[in-house]
PDB file of N, CA and C in Angstrom:
ATOM      1  N   UNK A   1      -1.567  14.821   4.029  1.00  0.00           N
ATOM      2  CA  UNK A   1      -1.485  14.668   2.587  1.00  0.00           C
ATOM      3  C   UNK A   1      -2.060  13.319   2.130  1.00  0.00           C
ATOM      4  N   UNK A   2      -2.543  13.296   0.922  1.00  0.00           N
ATOM      5  CA  UNK A   2      -3.185  12.100   0.386  1.00  0.00           C
ATOM      6  C   UNK A   2      -2.208  10.932   0.244  1.00  0.00           C
ATOM      7  N   UNK A   3      -0.968  11.203  -0.144  1.00  0.00           N
ATOM      8  CA  UNK A   3       0.013  10.122  -0.306  1.00  0.00           C
ATOM      9  C   UNK A   3       0.283   9.439   1.030  1.00  0.00           C
ATOM     10  N   UNK A   4       0.356  10.211   2.086  1.00  0.00           N
ATOM     11  CA  UNK A   4       0.574   9.647   3.425  1.00  0.00           C
ATOM     12  C   UNK A   4      -0.631   8.803   3.820  1.00  0.00           C
ATOM     13  N   UNK A   5      -1.809   9.277   3.505  1.00  0.00           N
ATOM     14  CA  UNK A   5      -3.034   8.533   3.822  1.00  0.00           C
ATOM     15  C   UNK A   5      -3.076   7.203   3.064  1.00  0.00           C
ATOM     16  N   UNK A   6      -2.660   7.223   1.800  1.00  0.00           N
ATOM     17  CA  UNK A   6      -2.596   5.980   1.030  1.00  0.00           C
ATOM     18  C   UNK A   6      -1.654   4.982   1.688  1.00  0.00           C
ATOM     19  N   UNK A   7      -0.493   5.464   2.132  1.00  0.00           N
ATOM     20  CA  UNK A   7       0.460   4.572   2.795  1.00  0.00           C
ATOM     21  C   UNK A   7      -0.127   4.013   4.091  1.00  0.00           C
ATOM     22  N   UNK A   8      -0.805   4.846   4.847  1.00  0.00           N
ATOM     23  CA  UNK A   8      -1.416   4.387   6.102  1.00  0.00           C
ATOM     24  C   UNK A   8      -2.460   3.307   5.835  1.00  0.00           C
ATOM     25  N   UNK A   9      -3.268   3.489   4.804  1.00  0.00           N
ATOM     26  CA  UNK A   9      -4.278   2.491   4.444  1.00  0.00           C
ATOM     27  C   UNK A   9      -3.622   1.189   4.008  1.00  0.00           C
ATOM     28  N   UNK A  10      -2.563   1.296   3.229  1.00  0.00           N
ATOM     29  CA  UNK A  10      -1.807   0.115   2.785  1.00  0.00           C
ATOM     30  C   UNK A  10      -1.269  -0.654   3.988  1.00  0.00           C
ATOM     31  N   UNK A  11      -0.639   0.061   4.883  1.00  0.00           N
ATOM     32  CA  UNK A  11      -0.066  -0.562   6.081  1.00  0.00           C
ATOM     33  C   UNK A  11      -1.157  -1.219   6.923  1.00  0.00           C
ATOM     34  N   UNK A  12      -2.268  -0.533   7.090  1.00  0.00           N
ATOM     35  CA  UNK A  12      -3.381  -1.066   7.881  1.00  0.00           C
ATOM     36  C   UNK A  12      -3.948  -2.343   7.246  1.00  0.00           C
ATOM     37  N   UNK A  13      -4.111  -2.340   5.927  1.00  0.00           N
ATOM     38  CA  UNK A  13      -4.610  -3.540   5.243  1.00  0.00           C
ATOM     39  C   UNK A  13      -3.659  -4.716   5.425  1.00  0.00           C
ATOM     40  N   UNK A  14      -2.368  -4.469   5.267  1.00  0.00           N
ATOM     41  CA  UNK A  14      -1.371  -5.538   5.439  1.00  0.00           C
ATOM     42  C   UNK A  14      -1.395  -6.087   6.865  1.00  0.00           C
ATOM     43  N   UNK A  15      -1.461  -5.202   7.837  1.00  0.00           N
ATOM     44  CA  UNK A  15      -1.499  -5.639   9.234  1.00  0.00           C
ATOM     45  C   UNK A  15      -2.757  -6.453   9.530  1.00  0.00           C
ATOM     46  N   UNK A  16      -3.883  -6.026   8.991  1.00  0.00           N
ATOM     47  CA  UNK A  16      -5.144  -6.737   9.222  1.00  0.00           C
ATOM     48  C   UNK A  16      -5.081  -8.147   8.652  1.00  0.00           C
ATOM     49  N   UNK A  17      -4.604  -8.280   7.428  1.00  0.00           N
ATOM     50  CA  UNK A  17      -4.491  -9.601   6.803  1.00  0.00           C
ATOM     51  C   UNK A  17      -3.527 -10.471   7.602  1.00  0.00           C
ATOM     52  N   UNK A  18      -2.412  -9.898   8.029  1.00  0.00           N
ATOM     53  CA  UNK A  18      -1.436 -10.650   8.827  1.00  0.00           C
ATOM     54  C   UNK A  18      -2.010 -11.142  10.146  1.00  0.00           C
ATOM     55  N   UNK A  19      -2.779 -10.299  10.802  1.00  0.00           N
ATOM     56  CA  UNK A  19      -3.399 -10.671  12.081  1.00  0.00           C
ATOM     57  C   UNK A  19      -4.374 -11.823  11.887  1.00  0.00           C
ATOM     58  N   UNK A  20      -5.182 -11.754  10.832  1.00  0.00           N
ATOM     59  CA  UNK A  20      -6.154 -12.819  10.572  1.00  0.00           C
ATOM     60  C   UNK A  20      -5.433 -14.141  10.318  1.00  0.00           C
ATOM     61  N   UNK A  21      -4.371 -14.095   9.530  1.00  0.00           N
ATOM     62  CA  UNK A  21      -3.615 -15.326   9.245  1.00  0.00           C
ATOM     63  C   UNK A  21      -3.019 -15.887  10.536  1.00  0.00           C
ATOM     64  N   UNK A  22      -2.445 -15.038  11.359  1.00  0.00           N
ATOM     65  CA  UNK A  22      -1.891 -15.517  12.642  1.00  0.00           C
ATOM     66  C   UNK A  22      -2.959 -16.163  13.512  1.00  0.00           C
ATOM     67  N   UNK A  23      -4.133 -15.551  13.548  1.00  0.00           N
ATOM     68  CA  UNK A  23      -5.227 -16.103  14.355  1.00  0.00           C
ATOM     69  C   UNK A  23      -5.644 -17.478  13.830  1.00  0.00           C
ATOM     70  N   UNK A  24      -5.745 -17.613  12.512  1.00  0.00           N
ATOM     71  CA  UNK A  24      -6.128 -18.893  11.929  1.00  0.00           C
ATOM     72  C   UNK A  24      -5.075 -19.976  12.193  1.00  0.00           C
ATOM     73  N   UNK A  25      -3.811 -19.610  12.056  1.00  0.00           N
ATOM     74  CA  UNK A  25      -2.738 -20.577  12.312  1.00  0.00           C
ATOM     75  C   UNK A  25      -2.714 -20.972  13.779  1.00  0.00           C
ATOM     76  N   UNK A  26      -3.010 -20.029  14.674  1.00  0.00           N
ATOM     77  CA  UNK A  26      -3.009 -20.371  16.103  1.00  0.00           C
ATOM     78  C   UNK A  26      -4.126 -21.367  16.422  1.00  0.00           C
ATOM     79  N   UNK A  27      -5.214 -21.322  15.663  1.00  0.00           N
ATOM     80  CA  UNK A  27      -6.320 -22.267  15.861  1.00  0.00           C
ATOM     81  C   UNK A  27      -6.007 -23.634  15.254  1.00  0.00           C
ATOM     82  N   UNK A  28      -5.270 -23.631  14.138  1.00  0.00           N
ATOM     83  CA  UNK A  28      -4.931 -24.883  13.460  1.00  0.00           C
ATOM     84  C   UNK A  28      -3.551 -24.747  12.814  1.00  0.00           C
ATOM     85  N   UNK A  29      -2.495 -25.117  13.550  1.00  0.00           N
ATOM     86  CA  UNK A  29      -1.126 -24.959  13.051  1.00  0.00           C
ATOM     87  C   UNK A  29      -0.850 -25.697  11.735  1.00  0.00           C
ATOM     88  N   UNK A  30      -1.625 -26.711  11.412  1.00  0.00           N
ATOM     89  CA  UNK A  30      -1.388 -27.429  10.151  1.00  0.00           C
ATOM     90  C   UNK A  30      -1.692 -26.557   8.934  1.00  0.00           C
ATOM     91  N   UNK A  31      -2.428 -25.467   9.142  1.00  0.00           N
ATOM     92  CA  UNK A  31      -2.739 -24.545   8.048  1.00  0.00           C
ATOM     93  C   UNK A  31      -1.556 -23.623   7.717  1.00  0.00           C
ATOM     94  N   UNK A  32      -0.546 -23.613   8.570  1.00  0.00           N
ATOM     95  CA  UNK A  32       0.570 -22.684   8.445  1.00  0.00           C
ATOM     96  C   UNK A  32       1.153 -22.550   7.057  1.00  0.00           C
ATOM     97  N   UNK A  33       1.701 -23.627   6.484  1.00  0.00           N
ATOM     98  CA  UNK A  33       2.346 -23.485   5.165  1.00  0.00           C
ATOM     99  C   UNK A  33       1.399 -22.963   4.081  1.00  0.00           C
ATOM    100  N   UNK A  34       0.188 -23.450   4.060  1.00  0.00           N
ATOM    101  CA  UNK A  34      -0.779 -23.021   3.050  1.00  0.00           C
ATOM    102  C   UNK A  34      -1.156 -21.555   3.243  1.00  0.00           C
ATOM    103  N   UNK A  35      -1.433 -21.188   4.484  1.00  0.00           N
ATOM    104  CA  UNK A  35      -1.844 -19.802   4.745  1.00  0.00           C
ATOM    105  C   UNK A  35      -0.695 -18.821   4.548  1.00  0.00           C
ATOM    106  N   UNK A  36       0.517 -19.212   4.884  1.00  0.00           N
ATOM    107  CA  UNK A  36       1.651 -18.302   4.692  1.00  0.00           C
ATOM    108  C   UNK A  36       1.891 -18.039   3.216  1.00  0.00           C
ATOM    109  N   UNK A  37       1.707 -19.067   2.398  1.00  0.00           N
ATOM    110  CA  UNK A  37       1.832 -18.876   0.956  1.00  0.00           C
ATOM    111  C   UNK A  37       0.739 -17.936   0.449  1.00  0.00           C
ATOM    112  N   UNK A  38      -0.481 -18.155   0.907  1.00  0.00           N
ATOM    113  CA  UNK A  38      -1.598 -17.288   0.513  1.00  0.00           C
ATOM    114  C   UNK A  38      -1.389 -15.861   1.030  1.00  0.00           C
ATOM    115  N   UNK A  39      -0.852 -15.745   2.240  1.00  0.00           N
ATOM    116  CA  UNK A  39      -0.572 -14.422   2.815  1.00  0.00           C
ATOM    117  C   UNK A  39       0.395 -13.662   1.921  1.00  0.00           C
ATOM    118  N   UNK A  40       1.457 -14.326   1.518  1.00  0.00           N
ATOM    119  CA  UNK A  40       2.454 -13.677   0.663  1.00  0.00           C
ATOM    120  C   UNK A  40       1.813 -13.171  -0.626  1.00  0.00           C
ATOM    121  N   UNK A  41       1.018 -14.028  -1.273  1.00  0.00           N
ATOM    122  CA  UNK A  41       0.365 -13.642  -2.529  1.00  0.00           C
ATOM    123  C   UNK A  41      -0.581 -12.461  -2.314  1.00  0.00           C
ATOM    124  N   UNK A  42      -1.326 -12.489  -1.220  1.00  0.00           N
ATOM    125  CA  UNK A  42      -2.266 -11.401  -0.952  1.00  0.00           C
ATOM    126  C   UNK A  42      -1.555 -10.096  -0.636  1.00  0.00           C
ATOM    127  N   UNK A  43      -0.452 -10.163   0.092  1.00  0.00           N
ATOM    128  CA  UNK A  43       0.294  -8.935   0.391  1.00  0.00           C
ATOM    129  C   UNK A  43       0.862  -8.326  -0.881  1.00  0.00           C
ATOM    130  N   UNK A  44       1.310  -9.167  -1.803  1.00  0.00           N
ATOM    131  CA  UNK A  44       1.796  -8.656  -3.087  1.00  0.00           C
ATOM    132  C   UNK A  44       0.651  -7.977  -3.843  1.00  0.00           C
ATOM    133  N   UNK A  45      -0.526  -8.603  -3.859  1.00  0.00           N
ATOM    134  CA  UNK A  45      -1.686  -8.008  -4.537  1.00  0.00           C
ATOM    135  C   UNK A  45      -2.096  -6.687  -3.894  1.00  0.00           C
ATOM    136  N   UNK A  46      -2.081  -6.645  -2.568  1.00  0.00           N
ATOM    137  CA  UNK A  46      -2.415  -5.401  -1.860  1.00  0.00           C
ATOM    138  C   UNK A  46      -1.401  -4.321  -2.229  1.00  0.00           C
ATOM    139  N   UNK A  47      -0.127  -4.684  -2.246  1.00  0.00           N
ATOM    140  CA  UNK A  47       0.921  -3.731  -2.621  1.00  0.00           C
ATOM    141  C   UNK A  47       0.722  -3.209  -4.031  1.00  0.00           C
ATOM    142  N   UNK A  48       0.409  -4.108  -4.952  1.00  0.00           N
ATOM    143  CA  UNK A  48       0.168  -3.692  -6.341  1.00  0.00           C
ATOM    144  C   UNK A  48      -1.002  -2.723  -6.429  1.00  0.00           C
ATOM    145  N   UNK A  49      -2.070  -3.021  -5.691  1.00  0.00           N
ATOM    146  CA  UNK A  49      -3.258  -2.154  -5.706  1.00  0.00           C
ATOM    147  C   UNK A  49      -2.907  -0.752  -5.210  1.00  0.00           C
ATOM    148  N   UNK A  50      -2.151  -0.683  -4.115  1.00  0.00           N
ATOM    149  CA  UNK A  50      -1.811   0.628  -3.577  1.00  0.00           C
ATOM    150  C   UNK A  50      -0.797   1.364  -4.436  1.00  0.00           C
ATOM    151  N   UNK A  51       0.082   0.631  -5.116  1.00  0.00           N
ATOM    152  CA  UNK A  51       1.000   1.292  -6.049  1.00  0.00           C
ATOM    153  C   UNK A  51       0.222   1.910  -7.210  1.00  0.00           C
ATOM    154  N   UNK A  52      -0.803   1.195  -7.678  1.00  0.00           N
ATOM    155  CA  UNK A  52      -1.656   1.757  -8.735  1.00  0.00           C
ATOM    156  C   UNK A  52      -2.361   3.013  -8.232  1.00  0.00           C
ATOM    157  N   UNK A  53      -2.876   2.972  -7.012  1.00  0.00           N
ATOM    158  CA  UNK A  53      -3.551   4.147  -6.442  1.00  0.00           C
ATOM    159  C   UNK A  53      -2.587   5.313  -6.293  1.00  0.00           C
ATOM    160  N   UNK A  54      -1.370   5.034  -5.838  1.00  0.00           N
ATOM    161  CA  UNK A  54      -0.375   6.087  -5.673  1.00  0.00           C
ATOM    162  C   UNK A  54       0.017   6.662  -7.028  1.00  0.00           C
ATOM    163  N   UNK A  55       0.168   5.801  -8.004  1.00  0.00           N
ATOM    164  CA  UNK A  55       0.509   6.241  -9.353  1.00  0.00           C
ATOM    165  C   UNK A  55      -0.585   7.140  -9.916  1.00  0.00           C
ATOM    166  N   UNK A  56      -1.833   6.744  -9.699  1.00  0.00           N
ATOM    167  CA  UNK A  56      -2.974   7.545 -10.157  1.00  0.00           C
ATOM    168  C   UNK A  56      -2.978   8.901  -9.450  1.00  0.00           C
ATOM    169  N   UNK A  57      -2.711   8.887  -8.152  1.00  0.00           N
ATOM    170  CA  UNK A  57      -2.661  10.133  -7.382  1.00  0.00           C
ATOM    171  C   UNK A  57      -1.581  11.061  -7.934  1.00  0.00           C
ATOM    172  N   UNK A  58      -0.410  10.512  -8.211  1.00  0.00           N
ATOM    173  CA  UNK A  58       0.702  11.320  -8.727  1.00  0.00           C
ATOM    174  C   UNK A  58       0.333  11.920 -10.077  1.00  0.00           C
ATOM    175  N   UNK A  59      -0.275  11.120 -10.948  1.00  0.00           N
ATOM    176  CA  UNK A  59      -0.626  11.656 -12.267  1.00  0.00           C
ATOM    177  C   UNK A  59      -1.726  12.709 -12.182  1.00  0.00           C
ATOM    178  N   UNK A  60      -2.576  12.647 -11.161  1.00  0.00           N
ATOM    179  CA  UNK A  60      -3.591  13.677 -10.977  1.00  0.00           C
ATOM    180  C   UNK A  60      -2.990  14.953 -10.413  1.00  0.00           C
ATOM    181  N   UNK A  61      -2.018  14.819  -9.543  1.00  0.00           N
ATOM    182  CA  UNK A  61      -1.414  15.981  -8.898  1.00  0.00           C
ATOM    183  C   UNK A  61      -0.404  16.661  -9.814  1.00  0.00           C
ATOM    184  N   UNK A  62       0.364  15.894 -10.528  1.00  0.00           N
ATOM    185  CA  UNK A  62       1.450  16.438 -11.343  1.00  0.00           C
ATOM    186  C   UNK A  62       0.991  17.510 -12.331  1.00  0.00           C
ATOM    187  N   UNK A  63      -0.077  17.302 -13.098  1.00  0.00           N
ATOM    188  CA  UNK A  63      -0.493  18.357 -14.029  1.00  0.00           C
ATOM    189  C   UNK A  63      -0.958  19.637 -13.326  1.00  0.00           C
ATOM    190  N   UNK A  64      -1.363  19.517 -12.076  1.00  0.00           N
ATOM    191  CA  UNK A  64      -1.857  20.680 -11.347  1.00  0.00           C
ATOM    192  C   UNK A  64      -0.752  21.490 -10.674  1.00  0.00           C
ATOM    193  N   UNK A  65       0.456  20.970 -10.713  1.00  0.00           N
ATOM    194  CA  UNK A  65       1.558  21.696 -10.083  1.00  0.00           C
ATOM    195  C   UNK A  65       1.937  22.886 -10.956  1.00  0.00           C
ATOM    196  N   UNK A  66       2.253  23.983 -10.292  1.00  0.00           N
ATOM    197  CA  UNK A  66       2.705  25.154 -11.032  1.00  0.00           C
ATOM    198  C   UNK A  66       4.215  25.124 -11.117  1.00  0.00           C
ATOM    199  N   UNK A  67       4.711  25.635 -12.205  1.00  0.00           N
ATOM    200  CA  UNK A  67       6.168  25.687 -12.377  1.00  0.00           C
ATOM    201  C   UNK A  67       6.712  26.774 -11.470  1.00  0.00           C
ATOM    202  N   UNK A  68       7.886  26.536 -10.870  1.00  0.00           N
ATOM    203  CA  UNK A  68       8.456  27.569 -10.007  1.00  0.00           C
ATOM    204  C   UNK A  68       8.809  28.800 -10.839  1.00  0.00           C
ATOM    205  N   UNK A  69       8.614  29.946 -10.214  1.00  0.00           N
ATOM    206  CA  UNK A  69       8.923  31.211 -10.886  1.00  0.00           C
ATOM    207  C   UNK A  69      10.418  31.329 -11.087  1.00  0.00           C
ATOM    208  N   UNK A  70      10.781  31.897 -12.226  1.00  0.00           N
ATOM    209  CA  UNK A  70      12.205  32.121 -12.501  1.00  0.00           C
ATOM    210  C   UNK A  70      12.662  33.333 -11.688  1.00  0.00           C
ATOM    211  N   UNK A  71      13.857  33.233 -11.123  1.00  0.00           N
ATOM    212  CA  UNK A  71      14.361  34.384 -10.369  1.00  0.00           C
ATOM    213  C   UNK A  71      14.611  35.570 -11.303  1.00  0.00           C
ATOM    214  N   UNK A  72      14.395  36.759 -10.766  1.00  0.00           N
ATOM    215  CA  UNK A  72      14.650  37.976 -11.542  1.00  0.00           C
ATOM    216  C   UNK A  72      16.134  38.136 -11.757  1.00  0.00           C
ATOM    217  N   UNK A  73      16.521  38.431 -12.981  1.00  0.00           N
ATOM    218  CA  UNK A  73      17.946  38.646 -13.258  1.00  0.00           C
ATOM    219  C   UNK A  73      18.254  40.134 -13.118  1.00  0.00           C
ATOM    220  N   UNK A  74      19.467  40.447 -12.619  1.00  0.00           N
ATOM    221  CA  UNK A  74      19.813  41.870 -12.397  1.00  0.00           C
ATOM    222  C   UNK A  74      20.012  42.659 -13.642  1.00  0.00           C
TER     223      UNK A  74
END
């Protein structure tokens, strides 16, 4: 499903950014406080972007849903 794919992409983006920050800090530990602050801000931005995408997906899918059939009354 598309919603699951969006979540997977979100998770992958967050992990990639986190890995890069860890690699940079391992090369120069003095960058830690600055990069961790930037990491936090970027993860929030990534989250916002994916929430917008998910919201757009929901609004595209919702109008296309069919209403459940009413059960036949005896």
